């Protein structure tokens, strides 16, 4: 789902830099880390890092991969998840070429922010019906909703950055990006939901003392 360099226009990534900076500043103020949880946060974030590196490229201008974002969000809260996944995405962009530097703010908004908060609030909404189903839906949401953001951002590039109707950056419009990005991620999100369910249940059981359960 990472967007590489060269796909996003300055008209898009410059405002995204400002939005991303504000979100990170808010996260910094809101996060109150429990020292007991820091090693576990680092470990789960590392798992997310590895999951995101295993990518499948496909038509539509992006890649498909599991994320692990919902696991971090459900265990530690959406702001911690946003911050830790943003760091994961930065390391991937700088050291592994997974996602671009100019597109980094878009990637953290879509994957880290939208992924974390959609997972967290999906769980909150559905947990009154079934805890296990809510965890699964949270994992599903953490892939689906970011894919919608990525598809939309890519699809509007020909509209906002063209000369004489010739796109300067990503060449395909919404009629291409919406189905080609979102539809495969609907199915990938099912796998993410299952991984999230098993991961959250395992970690909550294995580290009961950390989560005070």
Protein backbone atom coordinates (compact mmCIF):
# COMPACT_ATOMS: atom_id res chain seq x y z
CA UNK A 1 0.00 0.00 0.00
CA UNK A 2 3.05 2.26 0.25
CA UNK A 3 3.10 5.01 -2.38
CA UNK A 4 6.57 5.42 -3.93
CA UNK A 5 8.33 8.63 -4.93
CA UNK A 6 7.33 10.28 -8.19
CA UNK A 7 3.64 9.42 -7.95
CA UNK A 8 2.47 12.35 -5.84
CA UNK A 9 2.50 16.01 -6.85
CA UNK A 10 3.80 18.84 -4.65
CA UNK A 11 0.23 20.17 -4.57
CA UNK A 12 -0.59 17.01 -2.63
CA UNK A 13 2.43 16.24 -0.50
CA UNK A 14 3.13 19.78 0.70
CA UNK A 15 -0.23 20.10 2.52
CA UNK A 16 0.19 16.49 3.67
CA UNK A 17 3.50 17.41 5.30
CA UNK A 18 1.72 20.07 7.35
CA UNK A 19 -1.12 17.72 8.29
CA UNK A 20 1.29 14.94 9.21
CA UNK A 21 3.38 17.29 11.35
CA UNK A 22 0.31 18.48 13.24
CA UNK A 23 -0.84 14.90 13.85
CA UNK A 24 2.59 13.87 15.14
CA UNK A 25 2.66 16.90 17.44
CA UNK A 26 -0.77 15.99 18.82
CA UNK A 27 0.38 12.41 19.30
CA UNK A 28 3.45 13.59 21.20
CA UNK A 29 1.23 15.53 23.62
CA UNK A 30 -1.33 12.77 24.06
CA UNK A 31 0.99 9.80 24.57
CA UNK A 32 1.78 8.85 28.16
CA UNK A 33 4.01 5.80 27.89
CA UNK A 34 3.97 3.10 30.53
CA UNK A 35 7.61 2.03 30.94
CA UNK A 36 6.47 -1.56 31.40
CA UNK A 37 4.89 -1.57 27.93
CA UNK A 38 7.73 0.05 25.96
CA UNK A 39 9.60 -3.22 25.16
CA UNK A 40 6.35 -4.82 24.01
CA UNK A 41 5.43 -1.79 21.88
CA UNK A 42 8.86 -2.02 20.23
CA UNK A 43 8.47 -5.75 19.65
CA UNK A 44 5.00 -5.52 18.13
CA UNK A 45 6.09 -2.57 15.97
CA UNK A 46 9.01 -4.66 14.74
CA UNK A 47 6.58 -7.40 13.74
CA UNK A 48 4.55 -4.81 11.84
CA UNK A 49 7.77 -3.64 10.16
CA UNK A 50 8.47 -7.15 8.86
CA UNK A 51 4.87 -7.71 7.77
CA UNK A 52 4.91 -4.54 5.68
CA UNK A 53 8.17 -5.45 3.96
CA UNK A 54 6.59 -8.58 2.46
CA UNK A 55 4.86 -6.85 -0.43
CA UNK A 56 3.06 -7.91 -3.58
CA UNK A 57 3.13 -5.29 -6.39
CA UNK A 58 0.03 -5.01 -8.55
CA UNK A 59 -1.46 -2.67 -11.18
CA UNK A 60 -2.85 0.56 -9.79
CA UNK A 61 0.32 2.16 -8.51
CA UNK A 62 0.82 0.58 -5.12
CA UNK A 63 1.62 -2.68 -3.35
CA UNK A 64 -0.33 -5.10 -1.20
CA UNK A 65 0.88 -6.26 2.20
CA UNK A 66 -0.28 -7.06 5.70
CA UNK A 67 0.24 -4.30 8.25
CA UNK A 68 -0.10 -5.25 11.90
CA UNK A 69 -1.37 -1.72 12.56
CA UNK A 70 -4.57 -2.87 14.25
CA UNK A 71 -2.64 -5.07 16.69
CA UNK A 72 -0.63 -2.08 17.92
CA UNK A 73 -3.74 0.13 18.03
CA UNK A 74 -5.89 -2.31 20.00
CA UNK A 75 -3.16 -3.18 22.48
CA UNK A 76 -1.71 0.28 23.13
CA UNK A 77 -4.15 2.85 21.74
CA UNK A 78 -4.41 4.66 18.40
CA UNK A 79 -2.01 7.51 19.17
CA UNK A 80 0.81 5.17 20.16
CA UNK A 81 0.02 3.06 17.10
CA UNK A 82 0.10 6.14 14.87
CA UNK A 83 3.47 7.23 16.25
CA UNK A 84 5.12 3.82 16.15
CA UNK A 85 3.85 2.96 12.66
CA UNK A 86 4.96 6.39 11.42
CA UNK A 87 8.47 5.52 12.64
CA UNK A 88 8.23 2.13 10.94
CA UNK A 89 7.26 3.81 7.66
CA UNK A 90 10.11 6.32 7.97
CA UNK A 91 12.72 3.59 8.42
CA UNK A 92 11.26 1.64 5.51
CA UNK A 93 11.33 4.69 3.24
CA UNK A 94 14.87 5.78 4.15
CA UNK A 95 16.61 2.41 4.39
CA UNK A 96 14.59 -0.02 2.30
CA UNK A 97 12.99 2.10 -0.41
CA UNK A 98 9.57 0.86 0.65
CA UNK A 99 7.44 3.93 0.11
CA UNK A 100 8.83 7.27 -1.00
CA UNK A 101 10.27 10.18 0.93
CA UNK A 102 8.03 12.77 -0.74
CA UNK A 103 5.03 10.47 -0.34
CA UNK A 104 5.92 9.70 3.29
CA UNK A 105 3.35 12.15 4.73
CA UNK A 106 0.61 10.57 2.63
CA UNK A 107 1.70 7.11 3.76
CA UNK A 108 1.63 8.00 7.45
CA UNK A 109 -1.76 9.68 7.12
CA UNK A 110 -3.25 6.70 5.29
CA UNK A 111 -1.53 3.71 6.86
CA UNK A 112 -0.55 4.95 10.32
CA UNK A 113 -3.30 7.44 11.18
CA UNK A 114 -6.35 6.19 9.28
CA UNK A 115 -5.30 2.57 9.86
CA UNK A 116 -4.84 3.02 13.62
CA UNK A 117 -7.98 5.03 14.28
CA UNK A 118 -10.27 3.04 11.98
CA UNK A 119 -9.13 -0.12 13.77
CA UNK A 120 -9.58 1.35 17.23
CA UNK A 121 -13.05 2.79 16.68
CA UNK A 122 -14.26 -0.21 14.69
CA UNK A 123 -13.36 -2.32 17.70
CA UNK A 124 -15.13 0.11 20.05
CA UNK A 125 -18.28 0.03 17.92
CA UNK A 126 -18.51 -3.75 17.48
CA UNK A 127 -17.14 -4.89 20.86
CA UNK A 128 -20.59 -4.66 22.46
CA UNK A 129 -21.74 -7.43 20.10
CA UNK A 130 -18.74 -9.77 20.14
CA UNK A 131 -15.16 -9.15 21.27
CA UNK A 132 -13.64 -11.60 18.78
CA UNK A 133 -15.69 -10.27 15.88
CA UNK A 134 -14.74 -6.72 16.87
CA UNK A 135 -11.03 -7.57 16.80
CA UNK A 136 -11.43 -9.16 13.36
CA UNK A 137 -13.34 -6.15 12.02
CA UNK A 138 -10.68 -3.83 13.45
CA UNK A 139 -8.00 -5.68 11.50
CA UNK A 140 -10.13 -5.59 8.37
CA UNK A 141 -10.74 -1.85 8.76
CA UNK A 142 -7.03 -1.13 9.24
CA UNK A 143 -6.40 -2.33 5.68
CA UNK A 144 -9.60 -1.31 3.92
CA UNK A 145 -9.87 2.35 4.92
CA UNK A 146 -6.21 3.21 4.24
CA UNK A 147 -6.59 1.60 0.81
CA UNK A 148 -9.49 3.98 0.09
CA UNK A 149 -7.31 6.96 1.03
CA UNK A 150 -4.41 5.74 -1.10
CA UNK A 151 -6.70 5.04 -4.08
CA UNK A 152 -8.26 8.49 -3.80
CA UNK A 153 -4.95 10.36 -3.48
CA UNK A 154 -3.47 8.52 -6.46
CA UNK A 155 -6.62 8.96 -8.54
CA UNK A 156 -6.81 12.73 -8.16
CA UNK A 157 -3.23 13.32 -9.36
CA UNK A 158 -4.21 13.66 -13.06
CA UNK A 159 -6.82 16.22 -12.02
CA UNK A 160 -4.59 18.46 -9.92
CA UNK A 161 -1.25 18.08 -11.72
CA UNK A 162 -1.55 18.04 -15.51
CA UNK A 163 -0.38 20.16 -18.42
CA UNK A 164 -2.56 20.19 -21.54
CA UNK A 165 -4.44 17.19 -20.14
CA UNK A 166 -1.17 15.25 -19.75
CA UNK A 167 -0.62 14.03 -16.16
CA UNK A 168 2.72 15.06 -14.70
CA UNK A 169 2.75 12.46 -11.97
CA UNK A 170 0.52 9.43 -11.47
CA UNK A 171 -1.30 8.98 -14.79
CA UNK A 172 -4.45 7.02 -13.86
CA UNK A 173 -7.64 8.56 -12.58
CA UNK A 174 -10.16 7.50 -9.97
CA UNK A 175 -11.94 5.16 -12.40
CA UNK A 176 -8.77 3.05 -12.38
CA UNK A 177 -7.37 3.52 -8.88
CA UNK A 178 -10.55 3.00 -6.87
CA UNK A 179 -11.32 -0.52 -8.14
CA UNK A 180 -7.72 -1.63 -8.73
CA UNK A 181 -6.52 -0.63 -5.26
CA UNK A 182 -9.59 -1.12 -3.09
CA UNK A 183 -10.96 -4.43 -4.40
CA UNK A 184 -7.78 -6.48 -3.80
CA UNK A 185 -7.43 -4.91 -0.35
CA UNK A 186 -10.95 -5.99 0.59
CA UNK A 187 -9.75 -9.58 0.38
CA UNK A 188 -6.36 -8.89 1.93
CA UNK A 189 -8.21 -7.22 4.81
CA UNK A 190 -9.80 -10.57 5.65
CA UNK A 191 -6.34 -12.06 6.18
CA UNK A 192 -5.38 -9.00 8.22
CA UNK A 193 -8.48 -9.51 10.37
CA UNK A 194 -7.51 -13.10 11.12
CA UNK A 195 -3.91 -12.13 11.90
CA UNK A 196 -5.14 -9.33 14.17
CA UNK A 197 -7.50 -11.66 16.02
CA UNK A 198 -4.84 -14.29 16.65
CA UNK A 199 -2.15 -11.71 17.46
CA UNK A 200 -4.19 -9.69 19.95
CA UNK A 201 -5.54 -12.75 21.74
CA UNK A 202 -2.07 -14.33 21.97
CA UNK A 203 -0.36 -11.19 23.28
CA UNK A 204 -3.08 -10.39 25.78
CA UNK A 205 -2.87 -13.94 27.11
CA UNK A 206 0.92 -14.14 27.07
CA UNK A 207 1.44 -10.74 28.73
CA UNK A 208 -1.48 -10.53 31.13
CA UNK A 209 0.59 -8.69 33.72
CA UNK A 210 1.50 -5.95 31.24
CA UNK A 211 -2.13 -5.37 30.28
CA UNK A 212 -3.32 -5.88 33.87
CA UNK A 213 -5.74 -8.61 32.85
